[in-house]
Amino acid sequence: MIIAVLLGYIALVLAVGGLSHRGFKRTGEHFFVAGRSIGPFVLLMSLFGTHMTAFALLGASGEAYREGIGVFALMASSSALVVPAIFFFVGTRLWQLGKRHGYLTQIQYFRDRWQSNGLGLLMFAVLVGLLVPYLLIGVMGAGLTFEQITDGQIPYWAGCLTVCVVVFLYVTYGGMRGTAWVNTFQTLVFMSLGALTTIVIFSKMGGVGAVLEQVSESQPQLLVRGDHISPTLLLTYALIPVSAGMFPHLFTHWLTAEKVENFKFSIVFYPLCILMVWIPSVLLGIAGTVAFPDLQGPAANGVLIKMVELYAPGLLGGLLAAGVFAAIMSSLDSQTLALGNMFTQDIVRHYRLGGDMDPAKQVWWGRIFVCLILATTFGLSLVMPRSIFKLGIWSFTGFAGLFPIVLAALYWKRSTKWGAFAAVLAVLVSWTYFFAGGSKTIGTTDIMAVTAVMALSAVAMVVGSLASRPPDNLDKFF
């Protein structure tokens, strides 16, 4: 039953992607940013679906299993406030600049803003390096879901391969328009199925009140913050969602908007979407401590799947797997397309590696790179350790550290390429230091490492800019 439901869902996804091909134009702008023609509702659904990954569904429930209800405050509540603010202060301005100057990638903007090819190459390497772990979150989440919910009938590697192949088919066929349409469909799927799953499981466990009462008796620390999650940890964790301001896939989706007014829908309703996804994930993770009290390490990431297997097998199990699959693909497609866009525009086209590149050739280069990216991600998913939440935090930390660069580019005329170089290098050094040490916090404190990474990046940007001459093209951007 579960496998049949999953196959049916995959067929629906491919059908939606196929329908989006109508009116497809073989140009780079149409393939990578849907001809800048996306309306308000599809923009909201594609932005939210792109931002929510297996990190929110599997990672959040797994972390809630270990840490308790405070996980909601760590990421969800701060994201509900920070991300819409980024859409307003960063997204709308980048949309205006992109439309005015024809940008298709972040790197085109930064390279033009500070008149530096070297900075463009450095930013390209860093953004790709940070986005690969984010891609792995989705592919590994798919493999884990397939393996657990089918009791091993579909092995981990087959689940990873399936999601890569399906994403490849509709992304390369429909481009950004296909991606946006499929994202809208899949976002509606995983939001509605998450709510349905929560209702069914809690009803079979005797209701929310009964479950929380059992948790309060066995592990009361999971239901109160107390000293379990410190105020400094909560405060500095709020910097993690700032990473949205530097995600290449969100930047690409911003450029798809038909007009700047279309951002209003996303800014207003994004917090509601956050609530609809994170509350079920966190509650089910906490409830999992009642049904499965002894999960250790990465096994906790699968607590949501185990809950479905126990309380809602069969049809609902297949539907939940489809919901997780939807959340995974709605991020993975945009991320791979964004990377294909960057390879095509910022390497091949900019340096004329393929000679003069006409609009149709841009599409083919984009398709080739999407294939290479998915193949590489699949290979890495087979050898990487399976800690989804921690993998996501490290990726987000790096992108958040780069946020001062985009702020300086947009709002500080005095910023220079040398300041940007210094900021990127500061992020590389500090991020590597914390990552190599394996600690998400600074020393013995509860202050998240992202705090130091962002602070060093900002200081480097200011010092480097003040020590060098500003560019002479400010009228183009201000």
Protein backbone atom coordinates (compact mmCIF):
# COMPACT_ATOMS: atom_id res chain seq x y z
CA MET A 1 0.00 0.00 0.00
CA ILE A 2 2.73 2.46 1.01
CA ILE A 3 4.79 1.84 -2.09
CA ALA A 4 1.69 2.16 -4.29
CA VAL A 5 0.81 5.53 -2.72
CA LEU A 6 4.36 6.78 -3.22
CA LEU A 7 4.41 5.71 -6.85
CA GLY A 8 1.06 7.42 -7.41
CA TYR A 9 2.37 10.59 -5.82
CA ILE A 10 5.49 10.57 -7.98
CA ALA A 11 3.27 10.21 -11.06
CA LEU A 12 1.26 13.26 -9.95
CA VAL A 13 4.42 15.31 -9.45
CA LEU A 14 5.71 14.42 -12.89
CA ALA A 15 2.30 15.26 -14.40
CA VAL A 16 2.33 18.73 -12.79
CA GLY A 17 5.89 19.27 -14.00
CA GLY A 18 4.87 18.17 -17.49
CA LEU A 19 1.91 20.55 -17.62
CA SER A 20 4.17 23.46 -16.70
CA HIS A 21 6.10 22.93 -19.95
CA ARG A 22 3.28 24.55 -21.93
CA GLY A 23 4.48 27.90 -23.21
CA PHE A 24 8.09 27.04 -22.31
CA LYS A 25 10.59 29.29 -24.07
CA ARG A 26 14.11 28.07 -24.70
CA THR A 27 15.91 31.01 -23.10
CA GLY A 28 18.11 31.27 -20.02
CA GLU A 29 15.81 33.81 -18.38
CA HIS A 30 12.75 31.62 -18.87
CA PHE A 31 14.49 28.41 -17.79
CA PHE A 32 16.18 29.84 -14.69
CA VAL A 33 13.73 32.53 -13.42
CA ALA A 34 10.46 31.62 -15.25
CA GLY A 35 10.61 34.78 -17.35
CA ARG A 36 10.03 36.84 -14.15
CA SER A 37 6.29 36.05 -14.35
CA ILE A 38 5.31 34.34 -11.05
CA GLY A 39 2.22 35.60 -9.20
CA PRO A 40 1.77 36.21 -5.43
CA PHE A 41 0.33 32.83 -4.31
CA VAL A 42 2.77 30.70 -6.29
CA LEU A 43 5.62 32.94 -5.05
CA LEU A 44 4.58 32.32 -1.42
CA MET A 45 4.24 28.57 -1.90
CA SER A 46 7.51 28.25 -3.82
CA LEU A 47 9.45 30.39 -1.32
CA PHE A 48 8.09 28.50 1.66
CA GLY A 49 8.39 25.08 0.04
CA THR A 50 11.96 25.87 -0.99
CA HIS A 51 12.91 27.00 2.51
CA MET A 52 11.31 24.03 4.31
CA THR A 53 13.21 20.77 3.91
CA ALA A 54 13.51 17.40 5.64
CA PHE A 55 15.21 19.60 8.26
CA ALA A 56 11.78 20.90 9.33
CA LEU A 57 9.89 17.60 9.21
CA LEU A 58 12.42 14.95 10.18
CA GLY A 59 15.12 17.11 11.75
CA ALA A 60 12.74 19.15 13.92
CA SER A 61 10.84 16.11 15.19
CA GLY A 62 14.13 14.35 15.94
CA GLU A 63 15.54 17.34 17.79
CA ALA A 64 12.24 17.80 19.70
CA TYR A 65 12.53 14.15 20.76
CA ARG A 66 15.92 14.94 22.30
CA GLU A 67 15.52 18.54 23.48
CA GLY A 68 11.78 19.08 23.93
CA ILE A 69 9.36 21.86 23.10
CA GLY A 70 12.07 24.52 23.21
CA VAL A 71 13.12 23.44 19.71
CA PHE A 72 10.14 25.41 18.40
CA ALA A 73 11.60 28.57 19.91
CA LEU A 74 15.07 27.76 18.61
CA MET A 75 14.12 27.83 14.95
CA ALA A 76 10.43 28.20 14.14
CA SER A 77 9.45 31.30 16.08
CA SER A 78 12.58 33.19 15.08
CA SER A 79 12.16 32.13 11.44
CA ALA A 80 8.57 33.37 11.46
CA LEU A 81 9.85 36.87 12.28
CA VAL A 82 13.27 37.01 10.65
CA VAL A 83 12.55 35.47 7.24
CA PRO A 84 9.64 37.79 6.26
CA ALA A 85 11.81 40.75 7.30
CA ILE A 86 14.53 39.50 4.96
CA PHE A 87 11.98 39.18 2.16
CA PHE A 88 11.06 42.84 2.70
CA PHE A 89 14.46 44.46 3.24
CA VAL A 90 16.60 42.23 1.01
CA GLY A 91 14.35 40.29 -1.36
CA THR A 92 12.38 43.23 -2.76
CA ARG A 93 15.49 45.34 -3.36
CA LEU A 94 17.35 42.49 -5.05
CA TRP A 95 14.28 41.87 -7.22
CA GLN A 96 14.35 45.51 -8.36
CA LEU A 97 18.07 45.40 -9.14
CA GLY A 98 17.74 42.04 -10.88
CA LYS A 99 14.91 43.24 -13.09
CA ARG A 100 16.66 46.53 -13.91
CA HIS A 101 20.04 45.02 -14.79
CA GLY A 102 19.03 41.52 -15.94
CA TYR A 103 20.75 39.59 -13.15
CA LEU A 104 20.05 35.86 -12.91
CA THR A 105 22.39 35.02 -9.99
CA GLN A 106 23.73 36.57 -6.78
CA ILE A 107 27.26 36.43 -8.11
CA GLN A 108 26.36 38.57 -11.14
CA TYR A 109 25.13 41.23 -8.73
CA PHE A 110 28.13 41.10 -6.38
CA ARG A 111 30.61 41.03 -9.26
CA ASP A 112 28.92 44.03 -10.89
CA ARG A 113 28.39 45.91 -7.63
CA TRP A 114 32.07 45.78 -6.66
CA GLN A 115 33.58 45.39 -10.16
CA SER A 116 35.57 42.27 -9.31
CA ASN A 117 35.83 38.97 -11.18
CA GLY A 118 37.98 37.53 -8.39
CA LEU A 119 35.27 38.18 -5.82
CA GLY A 120 32.78 36.48 -8.09
CA LEU A 121 34.91 33.34 -8.27
CA LEU A 122 35.45 33.26 -4.52
CA MET A 123 31.74 33.75 -3.81
CA PHE A 124 30.90 31.02 -6.31
CA ALA A 125 33.16 28.50 -4.58
CA VAL A 126 31.86 29.37 -1.11
CA LEU A 127 28.17 29.35 -2.04
CA VAL A 128 28.47 25.99 -3.80
CA GLY A 129 30.44 24.53 -0.89
CA LEU A 130 27.80 25.63 1.63
CA LEU A 131 24.84 24.56 -0.48
CA VAL A 132 25.99 20.97 -0.98
CA PRO A 133 25.30 20.03 2.70
CA TYR A 134 21.84 21.59 2.29
CA LEU A 135 21.25 19.40 -0.76
CA LEU A 136 22.33 16.39 1.28
CA ILE A 137 19.65 17.13 3.89
CA GLY A 138 16.98 16.51 1.29
CA VAL A 139 18.49 13.45 -0.36
CA MET A 140 19.36 11.79 2.94
CA GLY A 141 15.91 12.56 4.31
CA ALA A 142 14.36 10.82 1.31
CA GLY A 143 16.50 7.73 1.75
CA LEU A 144 15.75 7.55 5.46
CA THR A 145 12.00 7.94 4.87
CA PHE A 146 11.79 5.27 2.18
CA GLU A 147 13.88 2.80 4.16
CA GLN A 148 12.00 3.13 7.44
CA ILE A 149 8.44 3.48 6.25
CA THR A 150 8.71 0.44 3.94
CA ASP A 151 10.53 -1.69 6.56
CA GLY A 152 13.57 -1.90 4.32
CA GLN A 153 11.71 -3.02 1.19
CA ILE A 154 13.12 0.11 -0.41
CA PRO A 155 16.72 0.46 0.84
CA TYR A 156 18.29 3.77 1.80
CA TRP A 157 20.25 4.12 -1.43
CA ALA A 158 17.14 3.47 -3.58
CA GLY A 159 15.20 6.21 -1.78
CA CYS A 160 18.05 8.66 -2.34
CA LEU A 161 18.27 7.69 -6.00
CA THR A 162 14.50 7.96 -6.54
CA VAL A 163 14.25 11.54 -5.28
CA CYS A 164 17.27 12.56 -7.41
CA VAL A 165 15.80 11.05 -10.58
CA VAL A 166 12.32 12.55 -10.09
CA VAL A 167 13.73 16.02 -9.40
CA PHE A 168 16.01 15.74 -12.43
CA LEU A 169 13.08 14.90 -14.73
CA TYR A 170 10.76 17.78 -13.91
CA VAL A 171 13.47 20.41 -13.30
CA THR A 172 15.24 19.80 -16.60
CA TYR A 173 11.93 19.57 -18.47
CA GLY A 174 10.08 22.56 -17.04
CA GLY A 175 12.86 24.75 -15.63
CA MET A 176 11.90 27.32 -13.00
CA ARG A 177 8.26 27.45 -14.08
CA GLY A 178 7.98 23.69 -13.59
CA THR A 179 9.82 23.98 -10.29
CA ALA A 180 7.48 26.74 -9.04
CA TRP A 181 4.33 24.85 -10.06
CA VAL A 182 5.52 21.59 -8.49
CA ASN A 183 6.65 23.46 -5.36
CA THR A 184 3.18 24.96 -4.98
CA PHE A 185 1.55 21.55 -5.31
CA GLN A 186 4.03 19.88 -2.95
CA THR A 187 3.88 22.62 -0.33
CA LEU A 188 0.12 22.25 -0.11
CA VAL A 189 0.58 18.47 0.15
CA PHE A 190 3.06 18.41 3.02
CA MET A 191 1.27 21.15 4.98
CA SER A 192 -2.10 19.38 4.83
CA LEU A 193 -0.72 15.87 5.39
CA GLY A 194 1.32 17.04 8.38
CA ALA A 195 -1.85 18.30 10.05
CA LEU A 196 -3.76 15.12 9.17
CA THR A 197 -1.01 12.88 10.52
CA THR A 198 -0.88 14.79 13.80
CA ILE A 199 -4.63 14.53 14.31
CA VAL A 200 -4.75 10.80 13.58
CA ILE A 201 -1.75 9.85 15.73
CA PHE A 202 -2.78 11.90 18.76
CA SER A 203 -6.35 10.59 18.58
CA LYS A 204 -5.02 7.02 18.69
CA MET A 205 -2.73 7.91 21.60
CA GLY A 206 -5.67 9.24 23.62
CA GLY A 207 -5.46 12.94 22.77
CA VAL A 208 -2.89 15.70 23.13
CA GLY A 209 -3.62 16.21 26.84
CA ALA A 210 -3.11 12.56 27.69
CA VAL A 211 0.15 12.36 25.77
CA LEU A 212 1.59 15.52 27.32
CA GLU A 213 0.62 14.26 30.77
CA GLN A 214 2.62 11.08 30.17
CA VAL A 215 5.57 13.12 28.97
CA SER A 216 5.39 15.40 32.03
CA GLU A 217 5.60 12.32 34.26
CA SER A 218 8.45 10.59 32.44
CA GLN A 219 10.52 13.51 31.06
CA PRO A 220 9.12 16.81 32.37
CA GLN A 221 12.17 18.76 31.13
CA LEU A 222 10.90 18.31 27.55
CA LEU A 223 7.83 20.47 28.20
CA VAL A 224 9.47 23.44 29.92
CA ARG A 225 12.45 25.55 29.02
CA GLY A 226 13.88 25.84 32.51
CA ASP A 227 17.63 25.41 32.35
CA HIS A 228 17.34 22.86 29.55
CA ILE A 229 17.64 25.52 26.83
CA SER A 230 19.32 28.69 28.06
CA PRO A 231 18.26 32.26 27.13
CA THR A 232 21.58 32.89 25.37
CA LEU A 233 21.11 29.78 23.24
CA LEU A 234 17.59 30.90 22.31
CA LEU A 235 18.75 34.41 21.48
CA THR A 236 21.75 33.47 19.37
CA TYR A 237 19.86 30.67 17.60
CA ALA A 238 17.69 33.45 16.17
CA LEU A 239 20.65 34.36 13.95
CA ILE A 240 20.41 31.04 12.09
CA PRO A 241 17.32 32.07 10.00
CA VAL A 242 19.30 35.09 8.77
CA SER A 243 20.90 32.57 6.42
CA ALA A 244 17.82 32.96 4.19
CA GLY A 245 19.24 36.27 3.01
CA MET A 246 22.12 34.50 1.24
CA PHE A 247 20.51 31.30 -0.04
CA PRO A 248 21.06 31.10 -3.83
CA HIS A 249 17.75 29.26 -4.31
CA LEU A 250 15.74 31.94 -2.48
CA PHE A 251 17.51 34.65 -4.48
CA THR A 252 16.47 32.86 -7.68
CA HIS A 253 12.85 32.62 -6.54
CA TRP A 254 12.83 36.32 -5.63
CA LEU A 255 13.75 37.12 -9.22
CA THR A 256 10.76 35.13 -10.54
CA ALA A 257 8.18 37.59 -9.14
CA GLU A 258 6.20 39.41 -11.80
CA LYS A 259 6.09 42.61 -9.75
CA VAL A 260 7.34 43.77 -6.38
CA GLU A 261 3.81 43.91 -4.93
CA ASN A 262 3.73 40.10 -5.15
CA PHE A 263 6.07 39.96 -2.15
CA LYS A 264 3.29 41.24 0.17
CA PHE A 265 1.54 37.86 0.21
CA SER A 266 4.76 36.09 1.24
CA ILE A 267 5.64 38.61 3.94
CA VAL A 268 2.18 38.45 5.56
CA PHE A 269 1.45 34.71 5.38
CA TYR A 270 4.91 33.17 5.81
CA PRO A 271 4.63 33.05 9.66
CA LEU A 272 1.34 31.16 9.39
CA CYS A 273 2.93 28.60 7.09
CA ILE A 274 5.74 28.15 9.63
CA LEU A 275 3.22 27.38 12.37
CA MET A 276 1.37 24.85 10.22
CA VAL A 277 4.53 22.82 9.59
CA TRP A 278 6.59 23.15 12.77
CA ILE A 279 3.89 22.64 15.41
CA PRO A 280 2.95 19.14 14.16
CA SER A 281 6.63 18.18 13.76
CA VAL A 282 7.60 19.28 17.29
CA LEU A 283 4.51 17.79 18.96
CA LEU A 284 5.01 14.44 17.24
CA GLY A 285 8.68 14.44 18.22
CA ILE A 286 7.76 14.95 21.88
CA ALA A 287 5.02 12.33 21.67
CA GLY A 288 7.61 9.92 20.30
CA THR A 289 9.29 9.82 23.72
CA VAL A 290 6.19 8.01 25.01
CA ALA A 291 6.03 5.42 22.24
CA PHE A 292 9.81 5.00 21.70
CA PRO A 293 11.66 6.13 24.84
CA ASP A 294 15.08 4.71 24.02
CA LEU A 295 16.07 6.07 20.59
CA GLN A 296 19.70 7.15 20.50
CA GLY A 297 21.75 9.37 18.18
CA PRO A 298 20.69 9.59 14.51
CA ALA A 299 17.89 7.06 15.16
CA ALA A 300 15.90 9.92 16.73
CA ASN A 301 15.65 11.56 13.29
CA GLY A 302 13.31 8.73 12.29
CA VAL A 303 10.92 9.11 15.23
CA LEU A 304 8.23 10.63 13.01
CA ILE A 305 8.33 7.66 10.66
CA LYS A 306 8.23 5.23 13.59
CA MET A 307 5.15 6.97 14.98
CA VAL A 308 3.35 6.53 11.67
CA GLU A 309 4.35 2.89 11.43
CA LEU A 310 2.96 2.24 14.90
CA TYR A 311 -0.23 4.29 14.89
CA ALA A 312 -1.14 4.88 11.25
CA PRO A 313 0.23 2.19 8.93
CA GLY A 314 -1.02 1.49 5.44
CA LEU A 315 -2.66 4.33 3.53
CA LEU A 316 -1.80 7.11 5.99
CA GLY A 317 1.77 5.85 6.16
CA GLY A 318 2.02 6.16 2.41
CA LEU A 319 0.48 9.64 2.53
CA LEU A 320 2.93 10.80 5.20
CA ALA A 321 5.82 9.43 3.18
CA ALA A 322 4.45 11.40 0.24
CA GLY A 323 4.32 14.49 2.47
CA VAL A 324 7.95 14.10 3.53
CA PHE A 325 8.85 13.40 -0.08
CA ALA A 326 7.05 16.63 -1.07
CA ALA A 327 8.95 18.71 1.49
CA ILE A 328 12.23 17.24 0.31
CA MET A 329 11.67 17.73 -3.41
CA SER A 330 10.26 21.25 -3.03
CA SER A 331 13.67 22.31 -1.72
CA LEU A 332 15.96 20.03 -3.65
CA ASP A 333 14.61 21.13 -7.04
CA SER A 334 15.19 24.85 -6.42
CA GLN A 335 18.63 24.25 -4.93
CA THR A 336 19.84 22.17 -7.86
CA LEU A 337 18.38 24.62 -10.38
CA ALA A 338 20.08 27.52 -8.56
CA LEU A 339 23.42 25.72 -8.71
CA GLY A 340 22.91 24.91 -12.38
CA ASN A 341 22.11 28.58 -12.95
CA MET A 342 25.31 29.68 -11.19
CA PHE A 343 27.49 27.22 -13.12
CA THR A 344 25.95 28.30 -16.41
CA GLN A 345 25.91 32.07 -15.90
CA ASP A 346 28.92 32.68 -13.64
CA ILE A 347 31.42 30.19 -15.01
CA VAL A 348 30.58 28.93 -18.51
CA ARG A 349 28.84 32.03 -19.87
CA HIS A 350 30.87 34.69 -18.04
CA TYR A 351 34.23 33.21 -19.04
CA ARG A 352 32.96 32.01 -22.45
CA LEU A 353 34.09 28.44 -21.80
CA GLY A 354 31.54 27.23 -24.32
CA GLY A 355 32.11 30.06 -26.77
CA ASP A 356 29.28 32.50 -27.48
CA MET A 357 26.25 31.18 -25.62
CA ASP A 358 22.87 31.77 -27.25
CA PRO A 359 19.67 31.54 -25.13
CA ALA A 360 18.94 27.91 -26.12
CA LYS A 361 22.47 26.81 -25.24
CA GLN A 362 22.08 28.27 -21.74
CA VAL A 363 19.16 25.89 -21.19
CA TRP A 364 21.21 22.87 -22.19
CA TRP A 365 24.15 23.86 -20.02
CA GLY A 366 21.74 24.30 -17.12
CA ARG A 367 20.32 20.81 -17.66
CA ILE A 368 23.79 19.27 -17.80
CA PHE A 369 24.84 20.88 -14.53
CA VAL A 370 21.60 19.89 -12.77
CA CYS A 371 22.37 16.29 -13.72
CA LEU A 372 25.97 16.53 -12.44
CA ILE A 373 24.90 18.16 -9.18
CA LEU A 374 22.26 15.52 -8.43
CA ALA A 375 24.68 12.70 -9.29
CA THR A 376 27.32 14.15 -6.96
CA THR A 377 24.81 14.67 -4.14
CA PHE A 378 23.56 11.10 -4.49
CA GLY A 379 27.12 9.78 -4.21
CA LEU A 380 27.81 11.86 -1.09
CA SER A 381 24.54 10.77 0.53
CA LEU A 382 25.83 7.18 0.59
CA VAL A 383 28.94 8.00 2.63
CA MET A 384 27.96 10.95 4.87
CA PRO A 385 26.85 10.47 8.51
CA ARG A 386 23.07 10.77 8.89
CA SER A 387 22.53 13.61 11.37
CA ILE A 388 20.07 15.84 9.50
CA PHE A 389 19.61 18.56 12.13
CA LYS A 390 23.33 19.08 12.75
CA LEU A 391 24.12 19.03 9.02
CA GLY A 392 21.52 21.73 8.47
CA ILE A 393 22.82 23.93 11.29
CA TRP A 394 26.34 23.97 9.84
CA SER A 395 25.06 24.89 6.39
CA PHE A 396 22.85 27.65 7.80
CA THR A 397 25.71 28.99 9.93
CA GLY A 398 27.89 29.55 6.88
CA PHE A 399 25.16 31.33 4.91
CA ALA A 400 24.25 33.48 7.93
CA GLY A 401 27.91 34.50 8.21
CA LEU A 402 27.77 35.83 4.65
CA PHE A 403 24.69 37.97 5.37
CA PRO A 404 26.66 41.15 6.25
CA ILE A 405 27.97 41.09 2.67
CA VAL A 406 24.56 41.42 1.04
CA LEU A 407 23.52 44.05 3.60
CA ALA A 408 26.62 46.10 2.82
CA ALA A 409 26.06 45.72 -0.93
CA LEU A 410 22.49 46.97 -0.69
CA TYR A 411 22.67 49.65 1.99
CA TRP A 412 26.28 50.86 2.45
CA LYS A 413 27.67 52.91 -0.41
CA ARG A 414 31.12 52.98 1.17
CA SER A 415 31.51 49.18 1.02
CA THR A 416 34.23 47.87 -1.32
CA LYS A 417 35.37 44.64 -2.93
CA TRP A 418 38.22 44.39 -0.42
CA GLY A 419 35.74 44.57 2.42
CA ALA A 420 33.73 41.79 0.75
CA PHE A 421 36.89 39.71 0.24
CA ALA A 422 37.81 40.15 3.91
CA ALA A 423 34.29 39.20 5.03
CA VAL A 424 34.24 36.00 2.94
CA LEU A 425 37.68 34.98 4.23
CA ALA A 426 36.61 35.70 7.81
CA VAL A 427 33.61 33.40 7.33
CA LEU A 428 35.76 30.67 5.82
CA VAL A 429 38.29 30.74 8.64
CA SER A 430 35.83 31.02 11.53
CA TRP A 431 33.35 28.50 10.08
CA THR A 432 36.14 25.97 9.47
CA TYR A 433 37.44 26.47 13.01
CA PHE A 434 34.09 25.73 14.63
CA PHE A 435 33.18 22.95 12.20
CA ALA A 436 36.51 21.18 12.67
CA GLY A 437 36.09 21.43 16.42
CA GLY A 438 32.61 19.94 16.17
CA SER A 439 31.09 22.54 18.50
CA LYS A 440 28.01 24.58 17.56
CA THR A 441 28.66 26.92 20.49
CA ILE A 442 31.53 29.19 21.53
CA GLY A 443 33.79 27.53 24.09
CA THR A 444 31.90 26.40 27.18
CA THR A 445 29.12 28.96 26.70
CA ASP A 446 25.66 28.52 25.16
CA ILE A 447 26.33 31.21 22.55
CA MET A 448 25.92 29.75 19.07
CA ALA A 449 28.98 29.74 16.83
CA VAL A 450 26.99 31.64 14.19
CA THR A 451 27.28 34.71 16.46
CA ALA A 452 31.06 34.78 16.16
CA VAL A 453 31.01 33.97 12.45
CA MET A 454 28.60 36.83 11.68
CA ALA A 455 30.40 39.28 13.96
CA LEU A 456 33.80 38.57 12.39
CA SER A 457 32.29 38.85 8.92
CA ALA A 458 30.74 42.25 9.73
CA VAL A 459 33.95 43.59 11.28
CA ALA A 460 36.02 42.39 8.33
CA MET A 461 33.60 44.05 5.89
CA VAL A 462 33.81 47.39 7.72
CA VAL A 463 37.59 47.37 8.22
CA GLY A 464 38.35 46.17 4.71
CA SER A 465 36.03 48.74 3.15
CA LEU A 466 37.32 51.69 5.17
CA ALA A 467 40.90 50.73 4.28
CA SER A 468 40.20 50.82 0.53
CA ARG A 469 38.64 53.08 -2.08
CA PRO A 470 34.93 52.69 -2.91
CA PRO A 471 33.87 51.75 -6.46
CA ASP A 472 32.98 54.47 -8.95
CA ASN A 473 29.68 52.95 -10.21
CA LEU A 474 27.39 53.86 -7.30
CA ASP A 475 24.84 55.65 -9.50
CA LYS A 476 23.99 52.28 -11.05
CA PHE A 477 22.85 50.83 -7.73
CA PHE A 478 21.66 53.74 -5.57
